[in-house]
């Protein structure tokens, strides 16, 4: 597979030696055709003068009739418009070059573009449309590329679900979006099929498009149930939230209650809406769940859900949950206290040493607004190599936010950390460090720390940084 213009130029060299087209590039990959088109016009390649008779022919290009498929492919990509125009007249003998005709449909030269569009219109049937769709849509992103997309849509609107299957599973999300939009507009997929697509596709646009179409399509109760189950069991939260919202329309709002504890904030919000619409009280439900701090079955979603719709008085239910044996519950409790604006730095301090990375991460986020009040030396001790990685990372985040010499001290110390990512982040922190107002001008420690990180700077930048701090070089 070709990657980039350099490989396109190399492919052009092989084609100039009459190498077969299928062995030179992947004819099913739009990127290879585009790379070839760009590579033929690369200066280093073009000055090889692979067709010297064309270079010297004036005022008209040479007769291209004797050219084989490989050379004709080069002619279709030639930098001179008259050569590209002449080459289009010989494409009928080589249908395998139709992808290059697609590219020429967006050509900047009208005498090339118009005959290319006529050729594509004559050749476009259901089979070629399905084969060329990924390339047509790639070219459609260019200026003057809309013709091919419009033509493709006209043909594929007559396609059956089976014919569009290849486009539904194409790795290019733009192709999948195009195919599903056609399917939704033409109502050629059943609601259950749309629901499965929404649950399985990784693209959020496809998820929203198919979920909305599945829920708004007419159908009896049984069909509607077939639609809801795939949506509610989907891994992606956008699709689950659509399914939860659809429960109200389906007359099953009571089935939304289990989703009050969902791991996704979007799904929890939709579930609260549905529960309220049937007269329920999500806050009371959350409080009932969180009243037992030792319950091993307490879902973490219920903890943060309480904070999302409760009030500051509910912090009294969250503080005991910091001792819960499940790390997810502890993490959500810390996050909930932050949401309720009930952070107490001394009480949260011990959770910077929690064995669960998620808890430390939430504790750091909660403590960031009060970082100037935290004891910097105690944080610095947590950056030692004997500490777990997540503890070192949490302490470094707080020290970096603190700024001043403590931030530089922590970052330089982590330049030799055993974790490569942490070393990289520490190096970036050193490079963006500047002395703040609380850094004593002329502090020799600043000069020592900068010297230890000399490898991160050019000599000029290092001298300038020292001058900013009032340190002699």
Protein backbone atom coordinates (compact mmCIF):
# COMPACT_ATOMS: atom_id res chain seq x y z
CA UNK A 1 0.00 0.00 0.00
CA UNK A 2 1.29 3.43 -0.93
CA UNK A 3 1.68 6.05 1.74
CA UNK A 4 2.21 9.64 0.75
CA UNK A 5 3.63 11.44 -2.25
CA UNK A 6 7.06 9.83 -2.05
CA UNK A 7 5.61 6.38 -2.55
CA UNK A 8 3.42 7.78 -5.33
CA UNK A 9 6.53 8.95 -7.17
CA UNK A 10 8.14 5.54 -6.71
CA UNK A 11 5.03 3.89 -8.12
CA UNK A 12 5.19 6.24 -11.10
CA UNK A 13 8.75 5.13 -11.78
CA UNK A 14 7.68 1.49 -11.78
CA UNK A 15 4.76 2.18 -14.10
CA UNK A 16 7.09 4.05 -16.46
CA UNK A 17 8.99 0.77 -16.71
CA UNK A 18 5.73 -0.90 -17.79
CA UNK A 19 5.18 -2.66 -14.47
CA UNK A 20 1.62 -3.99 -14.24
CA UNK A 21 -0.75 -1.65 -12.43
CA UNK A 22 -2.14 -4.24 -9.95
CA UNK A 23 1.36 -5.17 -8.81
CA UNK A 24 2.38 -1.54 -8.37
CA UNK A 25 -0.45 -0.28 -6.16
CA UNK A 26 -3.51 -1.54 -4.37
CA UNK A 27 -6.21 -0.77 -6.93
CA UNK A 28 -8.90 -1.08 -4.23
CA UNK A 29 -7.33 1.60 -2.00
CA UNK A 30 -8.37 5.21 -2.76
CA UNK A 31 -5.23 6.46 -1.03
CA UNK A 32 -2.99 4.65 -3.51
CA UNK A 33 -4.68 6.26 -6.51
CA UNK A 34 -4.44 9.70 -4.95
CA UNK A 35 -0.79 9.12 -4.06
CA UNK A 36 -0.03 8.10 -7.64
CA UNK A 37 -1.78 11.17 -9.01
CA UNK A 38 0.28 13.43 -6.75
CA UNK A 39 3.48 11.44 -7.23
CA UNK A 40 3.54 11.72 -11.02
CA UNK A 41 3.76 15.49 -10.72
CA UNK A 42 6.53 15.48 -8.13
CA UNK A 43 9.46 17.52 -9.53
CA UNK A 44 12.09 14.87 -8.78
CA UNK A 45 10.07 12.29 -10.66
CA UNK A 46 8.86 14.51 -13.46
CA UNK A 47 12.35 15.64 -14.41
CA UNK A 48 13.20 12.03 -15.15
CA UNK A 49 11.34 12.83 -18.39
CA UNK A 50 9.70 9.46 -18.52
CA UNK A 51 7.95 10.39 -21.78
CA UNK A 52 10.38 12.71 -23.55
CA UNK A 53 8.29 12.74 -26.72
CA UNK A 54 5.51 14.44 -24.77
CA UNK A 55 7.89 17.01 -23.39
CA UNK A 56 8.99 18.03 -26.88
CA UNK A 57 5.65 17.75 -28.64
CA UNK A 58 4.16 21.12 -29.51
CA UNK A 59 1.62 22.46 -29.82
CA UNK A 60 -0.32 19.18 -29.41
CA UNK A 61 0.54 16.11 -27.32
CA UNK A 62 1.77 12.99 -28.99
CA UNK A 63 -0.59 10.20 -30.07
CA UNK A 64 -1.34 8.11 -26.99
CA UNK A 65 -3.03 5.23 -28.81
CA UNK A 66 -0.11 2.78 -28.55
CA UNK A 67 0.28 3.25 -24.79
CA UNK A 68 -0.48 0.38 -22.47
CA UNK A 69 -2.42 0.63 -19.23
CA UNK A 70 0.57 1.58 -17.08
CA UNK A 71 1.76 4.39 -19.32
CA UNK A 72 -1.79 5.63 -19.85
CA UNK A 73 -2.21 5.87 -16.09
CA UNK A 74 0.80 8.19 -16.01
CA UNK A 75 -0.68 10.24 -18.84
CA UNK A 76 -3.92 10.69 -16.88
CA UNK A 77 -1.87 12.21 -14.04
CA UNK A 78 0.45 14.29 -16.24
CA UNK A 79 1.15 17.85 -15.20
CA UNK A 80 0.20 19.19 -18.64
CA UNK A 81 -3.57 19.51 -19.06
CA UNK A 82 -3.49 18.72 -22.78
CA UNK A 83 -1.87 15.36 -22.04
CA UNK A 84 -4.49 14.54 -19.39
CA UNK A 85 -7.23 15.58 -21.81
CA UNK A 86 -5.85 13.41 -24.61
CA UNK A 87 -5.43 10.46 -22.26
CA UNK A 88 -9.10 10.56 -21.28
CA UNK A 89 -10.00 9.68 -24.88
CA UNK A 90 -8.27 6.30 -24.51
CA UNK A 91 -9.66 5.22 -21.13
CA UNK A 92 -12.43 3.17 -22.75
CA UNK A 93 -9.80 0.57 -23.69
CA UNK A 94 -8.69 0.29 -20.05
CA UNK A 95 -11.66 0.24 -17.62
CA UNK A 96 -9.27 -0.41 -14.77
CA UNK A 97 -8.25 3.26 -14.99
CA UNK A 98 -11.71 4.52 -14.07
CA UNK A 99 -10.46 5.59 -10.60
CA UNK A 100 -8.19 8.12 -12.29
CA UNK A 101 -11.20 9.40 -14.23
CA UNK A 102 -12.87 10.03 -10.85
CA UNK A 103 -9.89 12.14 -9.82
CA UNK A 104 -9.95 14.05 -13.11
CA UNK A 105 -13.61 14.95 -12.47
CA UNK A 106 -12.28 17.46 -9.94
CA UNK A 107 -9.46 18.65 -12.20
CA UNK A 108 -8.77 22.38 -12.17
CA UNK A 109 -8.74 22.53 -15.98
CA UNK A 110 -12.22 22.67 -17.52
CA UNK A 111 -11.16 20.90 -20.79
CA UNK A 112 -10.04 17.98 -18.63
CA UNK A 113 -12.80 18.08 -16.06
CA UNK A 114 -15.79 18.12 -18.41
CA UNK A 115 -14.88 15.07 -20.55
CA UNK A 116 -13.92 13.19 -17.37
CA UNK A 117 -17.36 13.86 -15.93
CA UNK A 118 -19.01 12.64 -19.10
CA UNK A 119 -16.93 9.47 -19.02
CA UNK A 120 -17.83 8.83 -15.39
CA UNK A 121 -21.53 9.44 -16.04
CA UNK A 122 -21.49 6.92 -18.90
CA UNK A 123 -19.62 4.31 -16.85
CA UNK A 124 -21.44 4.70 -13.55
CA UNK A 125 -23.70 1.77 -12.81
CA UNK A 126 -24.47 0.01 -9.55
CA UNK A 127 -21.32 -2.11 -9.64
CA UNK A 128 -18.91 0.71 -10.43
CA UNK A 129 -20.67 2.98 -7.93
CA UNK A 130 -20.10 0.49 -5.12
CA UNK A 131 -16.49 -0.06 -6.15
CA UNK A 132 -15.66 3.61 -6.58
CA UNK A 133 -17.65 5.03 -3.66
CA UNK A 134 -14.68 5.37 -1.23
CA UNK A 135 -12.59 7.20 -3.85
CA UNK A 136 -15.47 9.37 -5.05
CA UNK A 137 -16.13 10.51 -1.49
CA UNK A 138 -12.44 11.22 -0.88
CA UNK A 139 -12.25 13.32 -4.04
CA UNK A 140 -15.55 14.94 -3.05
CA UNK A 141 -13.76 16.78 -0.24
CA UNK A 142 -11.80 18.76 -2.83
CA UNK A 143 -12.85 21.88 -4.71
CA UNK A 144 -14.99 20.92 -7.69
CA UNK A 145 -15.41 17.45 -6.19
CA UNK A 146 -19.16 17.60 -5.69
CA UNK A 147 -20.07 16.23 -9.13
CA UNK A 148 -18.91 12.72 -8.35
CA UNK A 149 -20.67 12.68 -4.99
CA UNK A 150 -23.95 13.81 -6.55
CA UNK A 151 -23.65 11.19 -9.30
CA UNK A 152 -22.84 8.51 -6.74
CA UNK A 153 -25.89 9.41 -4.70
CA UNK A 154 -28.17 9.24 -7.73
CA UNK A 155 -27.03 5.69 -8.50
CA UNK A 156 -26.86 4.32 -4.95
CA UNK A 157 -30.35 5.53 -4.07
CA UNK A 158 -31.52 2.55 -6.09
CA UNK A 159 -29.33 0.11 -4.14
CA UNK A 160 -30.71 -2.64 -1.94
CA UNK A 161 -29.57 -3.23 1.66
CA UNK A 162 -27.48 -6.17 0.47
CA UNK A 163 -25.70 -4.05 -2.11
CA UNK A 164 -24.89 -1.36 0.46
CA UNK A 165 -23.50 -3.84 2.98
CA UNK A 166 -19.91 -3.34 1.81
CA UNK A 167 -20.24 0.41 2.37
CA UNK A 168 -21.77 -0.07 5.82
CA UNK A 169 -18.60 -1.84 6.95
CA UNK A 170 -16.05 0.34 5.12
CA UNK A 171 -13.19 1.44 7.39
CA UNK A 172 -13.62 5.05 6.23
CA UNK A 173 -16.26 6.65 8.42
CA UNK A 174 -17.14 9.15 5.67
CA UNK A 175 -18.19 6.23 3.45
CA UNK A 176 -20.28 4.70 6.24
CA UNK A 177 -21.96 8.02 6.97
CA UNK A 178 -22.82 8.47 3.29
CA UNK A 179 -24.24 4.95 3.00
CA UNK A 180 -26.34 5.19 6.14
CA UNK A 181 -27.71 8.59 5.14
CA UNK A 182 -28.87 7.04 1.86
CA UNK A 183 -30.37 4.11 3.74
CA UNK A 184 -32.22 6.36 6.17
CA UNK A 185 -33.49 8.71 3.47
CA UNK A 186 -34.64 5.80 1.32
CA UNK A 187 -36.03 3.82 4.30
CA UNK A 188 -34.31 0.71 2.98
CA UNK A 189 -33.28 -0.59 6.43
CA UNK A 190 -35.70 -1.89 9.04
CA UNK A 191 -35.73 -0.18 12.45
CA UNK A 192 -34.10 -3.22 14.06
CA UNK A 193 -31.25 -3.09 11.52
CA UNK A 194 -30.74 0.60 12.20
CA UNK A 195 -30.66 -0.07 15.94
CA UNK A 196 -27.99 -2.73 15.50
CA UNK A 197 -25.96 -0.36 13.35
CA UNK A 198 -26.19 2.35 16.01
CA UNK A 199 -25.06 -0.10 18.66
CA UNK A 200 -22.14 -1.53 16.69
CA UNK A 201 -20.64 1.39 14.74
CA UNK A 202 -17.86 3.36 16.42
CA UNK A 203 -18.62 6.68 14.70
CA UNK A 204 -20.79 9.05 16.72
CA UNK A 205 -22.43 10.50 13.60
CA UNK A 206 -23.55 7.05 12.48
CA UNK A 207 -24.69 6.26 16.02
CA UNK A 208 -26.89 9.37 16.24
CA UNK A 209 -28.19 9.03 12.70
CA UNK A 210 -29.19 5.38 12.99
CA UNK A 211 -30.52 5.58 16.55
CA UNK A 212 -32.72 8.55 15.71
CA UNK A 213 -34.01 6.88 12.56
CA UNK A 214 -34.68 3.62 14.41
CA UNK A 215 -36.67 5.35 17.14
CA UNK A 216 -38.72 7.54 14.82
CA UNK A 217 -39.54 4.82 12.29
CA UNK A 218 -43.15 3.59 12.44
CA UNK A 219 -43.64 0.11 13.86
CA UNK A 220 -45.77 -1.99 16.16
CA UNK A 221 -44.93 -2.74 19.79
CA UNK A 222 -42.94 -5.88 18.98
CA UNK A 223 -40.84 -4.07 16.42
CA UNK A 224 -40.25 -1.23 18.86
CA UNK A 225 -39.04 -3.66 21.48
CA UNK A 226 -36.62 -5.17 18.99
CA UNK A 227 -35.27 -1.69 18.43
CA UNK A 228 -34.88 -0.75 22.08
CA UNK A 229 -32.98 -3.81 23.26
CA UNK A 230 -29.94 -3.29 20.98
CA UNK A 231 -29.86 0.40 21.85
CA UNK A 232 -30.04 -0.15 25.61
CA UNK A 233 -27.31 -2.80 25.52
CA UNK A 234 -24.91 -0.79 23.33
CA UNK A 235 -21.42 -0.10 24.61
CA UNK A 236 -21.36 3.51 23.43
CA UNK A 237 -23.21 5.93 25.73
CA UNK A 238 -24.79 8.03 22.98
CA UNK A 239 -26.71 5.02 21.69
CA UNK A 240 -27.68 3.89 25.19
CA UNK A 241 -28.97 7.37 25.97
CA UNK A 242 -31.12 7.31 22.82
CA UNK A 243 -32.55 3.96 23.92
CA UNK A 244 -33.30 5.26 27.42
CA UNK A 245 -35.09 8.29 26.01
CA UNK A 246 -37.04 6.00 23.69
CA UNK A 247 -38.43 4.08 26.68
CA UNK A 248 -40.80 6.94 27.39
CA UNK A 249 -42.26 6.88 23.92
CA UNK A 250 -42.54 3.11 24.08
CA UNK A 251 -44.62 3.35 27.24
CA UNK A 252 -41.96 1.64 29.38
CA UNK A 253 -40.58 4.52 31.51
CA UNK A 254 -40.13 2.22 34.53
CA UNK A 255 -37.36 0.42 32.62
CA UNK A 256 -35.28 3.60 32.75
CA UNK A 257 -34.66 3.34 36.52
CA UNK A 258 -31.70 0.91 36.29
CA UNK A 259 -29.96 3.43 34.02
CA UNK A 260 -29.92 6.01 36.80
CA UNK A 261 -26.70 4.26 37.87
CA UNK A 262 -25.13 4.08 34.39
CA UNK A 263 -21.43 4.76 34.07
CA UNK A 264 -22.13 7.55 31.54
CA UNK A 265 -23.28 10.99 32.69
CA UNK A 266 -25.28 11.39 29.47
CA UNK A 267 -27.21 8.17 30.06
CA UNK A 268 -27.85 9.05 33.71
CA UNK A 269 -29.22 12.44 32.70
CA UNK A 270 -31.58 10.86 30.16
CA UNK A 271 -32.72 8.30 32.72
CA UNK A 272 -33.47 11.04 35.25
CA UNK A 273 -35.55 12.84 32.64
CA UNK A 274 -37.62 9.73 31.88
CA UNK A 275 -38.08 8.90 35.56
CA UNK A 276 -39.23 12.45 36.35
CA UNK A 277 -41.69 12.36 33.47
CA UNK A 278 -43.49 9.43 35.09
CA UNK A 279 -43.54 11.19 38.47
CA UNK A 280 -40.47 9.53 40.01
CA UNK A 281 -37.84 11.20 42.17
CA UNK A 282 -34.26 10.35 41.06
CA UNK A 283 -32.73 12.23 44.00
CA UNK A 284 -34.62 10.13 46.53
CA UNK A 285 -33.56 6.98 44.68
CA UNK A 286 -29.89 8.02 44.79
CA UNK A 287 -30.07 8.89 48.48
CA UNK A 288 -31.61 5.55 49.28
CA UNK A 289 -28.75 3.78 47.51
CA UNK A 290 -25.99 5.84 49.14
CA UNK A 291 -27.29 5.64 52.71
CA UNK A 292 -25.37 2.38 53.34
CA UNK A 293 -21.65 3.25 52.97
CA UNK A 294 -20.52 -0.36 53.42
CA UNK A 295 -22.80 -1.86 50.77
CA UNK A 296 -20.46 -3.80 48.42
CA UNK A 297 -23.11 -3.72 45.70
CA UNK A 298 -23.35 0.07 45.60
CA UNK A 299 -22.94 1.13 41.94
CA UNK A 300 -20.46 3.99 41.40
CA UNK A 301 -22.95 5.64 39.04
CA UNK A 302 -25.39 6.14 41.90
CA UNK A 303 -22.74 8.03 43.89
CA UNK A 304 -21.92 10.58 41.21
CA UNK A 305 -25.59 10.67 40.17
CA UNK A 306 -26.49 11.94 43.64
CA UNK A 307 -24.01 14.79 43.25
CA UNK A 308 -25.30 15.62 39.77
CA UNK A 309 -28.87 16.26 40.92
CA UNK A 310 -28.59 16.69 44.70
CA UNK A 311 -27.57 19.62 46.88
CA UNK A 312 -24.67 20.44 49.19
CA UNK A 313 -26.38 18.73 52.11
CA UNK A 314 -25.90 15.44 50.27
CA UNK A 315 -22.16 15.72 50.91
CA UNK A 316 -22.90 14.13 54.30
CA UNK A 317 -23.78 10.93 52.42
CA UNK A 318 -20.66 11.09 50.24
CA UNK A 319 -17.97 11.56 52.89
CA UNK A 320 -18.50 8.09 54.45
CA UNK A 321 -18.21 6.54 50.99
CA UNK A 322 -14.53 7.54 50.87
CA UNK A 323 -13.88 4.44 52.98
CA UNK A 324 -15.80 2.12 50.64
CA UNK A 325 -13.92 -1.05 49.63
CA UNK A 326 -14.69 -0.55 45.91
CA UNK A 327 -12.27 1.87 44.23
CA UNK A 328 -14.90 3.06 41.75
CA UNK A 329 -17.18 4.14 44.57
CA UNK A 330 -14.37 6.02 46.31
CA UNK A 331 -13.41 7.77 43.08
CA UNK A 332 -16.99 8.78 42.37
CA UNK A 333 -17.41 10.02 45.93
CA UNK A 334 -14.41 12.32 45.54
CA UNK A 335 -15.75 13.52 42.21
CA UNK A 336 -19.17 14.08 43.75
CA UNK A 337 -17.75 16.24 46.51
CA UNK A 338 -16.06 18.35 43.87
CA UNK A 339 -19.33 18.67 41.90
CA UNK A 340 -21.14 19.77 45.08
CA UNK A 341 -18.35 22.26 45.84
CA UNK A 342 -17.74 20.61 49.20
CA UNK A 343 -14.01 19.88 48.87
CA UNK A 344 -12.14 19.84 52.17
CA UNK A 345 -8.42 19.70 51.32
CA UNK A 346 -7.18 18.24 54.65
CA UNK A 347 -9.76 15.44 54.49
CA UNK A 348 -8.95 14.62 50.86
CA UNK A 349 -5.19 14.77 51.30
CA UNK A 350 -4.81 11.07 52.32
CA UNK A 351 -6.42 10.00 49.04
CA UNK A 352 -3.37 11.16 47.13
CA UNK A 353 -1.87 7.85 48.36
CA UNK A 354 -4.86 5.67 47.47
CA UNK A 355 -3.90 2.33 45.87
CA UNK A 356 -6.37 2.99 43.01
CA UNK A 357 -5.23 5.34 40.26
CA UNK A 358 -8.80 6.53 39.61
CA UNK A 359 -9.16 7.74 43.21
CA UNK A 360 -5.85 9.62 43.11
CA UNK A 361 -6.80 11.16 39.78
CA UNK A 362 -10.10 12.46 41.18
CA UNK A 363 -8.41 13.69 44.36
CA UNK A 364 -5.88 15.65 42.32
CA UNK A 365 -8.63 17.22 40.22
CA UNK A 366 -10.51 18.20 43.37
CA UNK A 367 -7.42 19.70 45.01
CA UNK A 368 -6.13 21.68 42.03
CA UNK A 369 -8.07 24.87 42.89
CA UNK A 370 -6.44 24.96 46.33
CA UNK A 371 -2.99 23.83 45.23
CA UNK A 372 -1.24 26.90 46.67
CA UNK A 373 -2.42 25.87 50.14
CA UNK A 374 -0.97 22.35 49.95
CA UNK A 375 2.40 21.52 51.56
CA UNK A 376 4.79 21.43 48.61
CA UNK A 377 7.52 19.47 50.41
CA UNK A 378 5.12 16.63 51.26
CA UNK A 379 4.00 16.56 47.65
CA UNK A 380 7.60 16.48 46.48
CA UNK A 381 8.25 13.36 48.56
CA UNK A 382 5.49 11.62 46.63
CA UNK A 383 7.45 12.01 43.38
CA UNK A 384 10.15 9.63 44.57
CA UNK A 385 10.76 6.50 42.49
CA UNK A 386 9.70 4.28 45.41
CA UNK A 387 6.14 5.57 45.09
CA UNK A 388 3.60 3.97 42.69
CA UNK A 389 3.42 5.57 39.29
CA UNK A 390 -0.08 7.00 39.77
CA UNK A 391 0.98 8.60 43.06
CA UNK A 392 4.04 10.19 41.43
CA UNK A 393 1.92 11.43 38.56
CA UNK A 394 -0.71 12.92 40.87
CA UNK A 395 1.86 14.74 42.96
CA UNK A 396 3.58 16.06 39.85
CA UNK A 397 0.30 17.41 38.45
CA UNK A 398 -0.26 19.38 41.65
CA UNK A 399 3.33 20.64 41.84
CA UNK A 400 3.29 21.65 38.19
CA UNK A 401 0.09 23.60 38.80
CA UNK A 402 1.67 25.22 41.86
CA UNK A 403 4.37 26.79 39.69
CA UNK A 404 7.44 28.58 40.94
CA UNK A 405 10.60 26.85 42.00
CA UNK A 406 8.73 23.86 43.47
CA UNK A 407 7.38 23.06 40.00
CA UNK A 408 10.87 23.24 38.49
CA UNK A 409 12.30 21.18 41.34
CA UNK A 410 9.71 18.43 40.82
CA UNK A 411 10.04 18.38 37.05
CA UNK A 412 13.83 18.19 37.06
CA UNK A 413 13.70 15.41 39.63
CA UNK A 414 11.38 13.40 37.39
CA UNK A 415 13.64 13.66 34.37
CA UNK A 416 15.17 10.38 35.52
CA UNK A 417 11.87 8.71 36.42
CA UNK A 418 11.59 5.05 35.36
CA UNK A 419 8.36 5.76 33.48
CA UNK A 420 9.04 7.17 29.97
CA UNK A 421 5.77 9.08 29.73
CA UNK A 422 6.32 10.76 33.06
CA UNK A 423 9.87 11.68 31.98
CA UNK A 424 8.45 13.25 28.81
CA UNK A 425 5.84 15.26 30.71
CA UNK A 426 8.49 16.42 33.18
CA UNK A 427 10.73 17.54 30.32
CA UNK A 428 7.89 19.50 28.76
CA UNK A 429 7.22 21.14 32.12
CA UNK A 430 10.85 22.23 32.39
CA UNK A 431 10.84 23.63 28.86
CA UNK A 432 7.79 25.80 29.47
CA UNK A 433 8.89 26.93 32.94
CA UNK A 434 9.45 30.64 33.54
CA UNK A 435 10.25 32.30 36.87
CA UNK A 436 7.13 33.58 38.56
CA UNK A 437 6.82 36.50 40.94
CA UNK A 438 7.39 34.29 43.98
CA UNK A 439 10.76 33.01 42.69
CA UNK A 440 13.63 34.84 44.37
CA UNK A 441 15.69 36.55 41.71
CA UNK A 442 19.24 35.24 41.58
CA UNK A 443 18.37 32.04 43.46
CA UNK A 444 21.34 29.73 42.82
CA UNK A 445 19.06 26.67 43.02
CA UNK A 446 17.30 27.83 39.85
CA UNK A 447 20.60 27.93 38.00
CA UNK A 448 21.52 24.48 39.29
CA UNK A 449 18.19 22.99 38.23
CA UNK A 450 18.41 24.56 34.77
CA UNK A 451 21.93 23.21 34.35
CA UNK A 452 20.68 19.72 35.21
CA UNK A 453 18.15 20.03 32.40
CA UNK A 454 20.59 21.58 29.92
CA UNK A 455 19.91 18.84 27.37
CA UNK A 456 16.36 20.14 26.94
CA UNK A 457 17.42 23.57 25.70
CA UNK A 458 19.60 25.15 23.09
CA UNK A 459 22.45 27.24 24.51
CA UNK A 460 20.63 30.44 23.54
CA UNK A 461 17.35 29.48 25.24
CA UNK A 462 19.15 28.29 28.35
CA UNK A 463 21.02 31.61 28.67
CA UNK A 464 17.82 33.56 28.17
CA UNK A 465 15.98 31.49 30.80
CA UNK A 466 18.80 32.12 33.27
CA UNK A 467 18.72 35.84 32.58
CA UNK A 468 14.99 35.85 33.31
CA UNK A 469 15.74 34.32 36.71
CA UNK A 470 18.70 36.64 37.34
CA UNK A 471 21.12 33.71 37.47
CA UNK A 472 24.67 34.04 36.15
CA UNK A 473 25.54 31.69 33.31
